[in-house]
């Protein structure tokens, strides 16, 4: 494999072998939002660690930052999303806000 470092500090290598990249999900707005939501849920203690190691440590500042990021995306994309994308973002934000309040009140 050939690798090189770009001026920006990124390491660039040969593309992955055929079949490996094809197994990754297509990145679209909904996938991106769901990825951020999963991160926030993890930091709120709403989901186990993806490695199966059990419940995560609750980290409210990181959860709040991710929720704020989703709120920023909602504001910046207003009027430019499909109905399904807008509904997805609104419902995710509602669930995360409720989870944040619950985690804040329980002191976890």
Protein backbone atom coordinates (compact mmCIF):
# COMPACT_ATOMS: atom_id res chain seq x y z
CA UNK A 1 0.00 0.00 0.00
CA UNK A 2 1.22 3.45 -0.89
CA UNK A 3 0.71 6.18 1.70
CA UNK A 4 1.60 9.82 1.81
CA UNK A 5 0.85 12.77 4.09
CA UNK A 6 -0.82 15.80 2.59
CA UNK A 7 -0.04 19.36 3.57
CA UNK A 8 -3.11 19.35 5.81
CA UNK A 9 -1.76 16.47 7.93
CA UNK A 10 -4.03 13.80 6.48
CA UNK A 11 -2.64 10.43 5.51
CA UNK A 12 -3.81 9.24 2.13
CA UNK A 13 -3.51 5.63 1.07
CA UNK A 14 -4.65 3.33 -1.67
CA UNK A 15 -8.41 2.87 -1.90
CA UNK A 16 -9.82 -0.07 0.09
CA UNK A 17 -10.04 -3.41 -1.68
CA UNK A 18 -13.19 -4.04 -3.68
CA UNK A 19 -16.07 -5.09 -1.47
CA UNK A 20 -14.82 -3.40 1.71
CA UNK A 21 -16.01 0.13 0.87
CA UNK A 22 -19.23 -1.23 -0.60
CA UNK A 23 -20.30 -2.55 2.81
CA UNK A 24 -20.37 0.93 4.37
CA UNK A 25 -23.73 2.71 4.39
CA UNK A 26 -24.29 5.59 1.99
CA UNK A 27 -23.78 8.90 3.75
CA UNK A 28 -26.73 11.22 3.35
CA UNK A 29 -28.31 13.82 5.60
CA UNK A 30 -30.43 11.29 7.52
CA UNK A 31 -27.47 8.97 8.12
CA UNK A 32 -25.40 11.91 9.36
CA UNK A 33 -28.17 13.04 11.73
CA UNK A 34 -28.63 9.49 13.05
CA UNK A 35 -24.89 9.21 13.64
CA UNK A 36 -24.87 12.40 15.72
CA UNK A 37 -28.01 11.27 17.57
CA UNK A 38 -26.38 7.95 18.45
CA UNK A 39 -23.40 9.81 19.86
CA UNK A 40 -25.65 12.02 21.99
CA UNK A 41 -27.65 9.00 23.20
CA UNK A 42 -24.43 7.30 24.22
CA UNK A 43 -23.32 10.34 26.22
CA UNK A 44 -26.75 10.56 27.85
CA UNK A 45 -26.55 6.91 28.91
CA UNK A 46 -29.52 6.03 26.67
CA UNK A 47 -27.65 3.27 24.85
CA UNK A 48 -24.89 0.79 25.61
CA UNK A 49 -21.41 1.10 24.20
CA UNK A 50 -21.27 -0.13 20.59
CA UNK A 51 -18.60 -2.65 21.57
CA UNK A 52 -20.97 -4.33 24.02
CA UNK A 53 -18.90 -3.24 27.02
CA UNK A 54 -21.98 -2.19 28.95
CA UNK A 55 -23.43 1.19 29.82
CA UNK A 56 -21.35 4.26 29.07
CA UNK A 57 -20.29 6.96 31.46
CA UNK A 58 -22.79 9.80 31.21
CA UNK A 59 -21.16 12.95 29.88
CA UNK A 60 -23.71 15.77 29.83
CA UNK A 61 -21.38 18.43 28.34
CA UNK A 62 -20.63 16.23 25.32
CA UNK A 63 -24.31 15.32 24.98
CA UNK A 64 -25.27 19.02 25.13
CA UNK A 65 -22.67 19.88 22.48
CA UNK A 66 -24.03 17.23 20.13
CA UNK A 67 -27.62 18.36 20.71
CA UNK A 68 -26.50 21.95 20.03
CA UNK A 69 -24.89 20.75 16.78
CA UNK A 70 -28.15 19.12 15.69
CA UNK A 71 -30.05 22.30 16.59
CA UNK A 72 -27.61 24.33 14.50
CA UNK A 73 -28.11 21.96 11.57
CA UNK A 74 -31.86 22.32 11.95
CA UNK A 75 -31.64 26.12 11.86
CA UNK A 76 -29.17 26.23 8.96
CA UNK A 77 -31.09 23.74 6.81
CA UNK A 78 -34.59 25.10 7.47
CA UNK A 79 -36.55 25.13 4.24
CA UNK A 80 -33.97 22.95 2.45
CA UNK A 81 -34.90 19.52 3.83
CA UNK A 82 -37.41 17.02 2.58
CA UNK A 83 -40.46 16.49 4.81
CA UNK A 84 -39.02 13.16 5.99
CA UNK A 85 -35.64 14.71 6.86
CA UNK A 86 -37.26 17.59 8.74
CA UNK A 87 -39.51 15.19 10.70
CA UNK A 88 -36.55 12.93 11.52
CA UNK A 89 -34.49 15.84 12.83
CA UNK A 90 -37.39 17.24 14.87
CA UNK A 91 -38.23 13.88 16.47
CA UNK A 92 -34.58 13.12 17.25
CA UNK A 93 -34.13 16.53 18.86
CA UNK A 94 -37.26 16.00 20.96
CA UNK A 95 -36.03 12.60 22.21
CA UNK A 96 -32.55 13.92 22.96
CA UNK A 97 -33.86 16.96 24.81
CA UNK A 98 -36.11 14.75 26.94
CA UNK A 99 -33.19 12.38 27.58
CA UNK A 100 -30.99 15.32 28.55
CA UNK A 101 -33.55 16.60 31.05
CA UNK A 102 -33.97 13.12 32.53
CA UNK A 103 -30.21 12.59 32.83
CA UNK A 104 -29.75 16.07 34.32
CA UNK A 105 -32.47 15.52 36.92
CA UNK A 106 -31.29 12.06 37.92
CA UNK A 107 -27.75 13.28 38.42
CA UNK A 108 -26.25 10.48 36.32
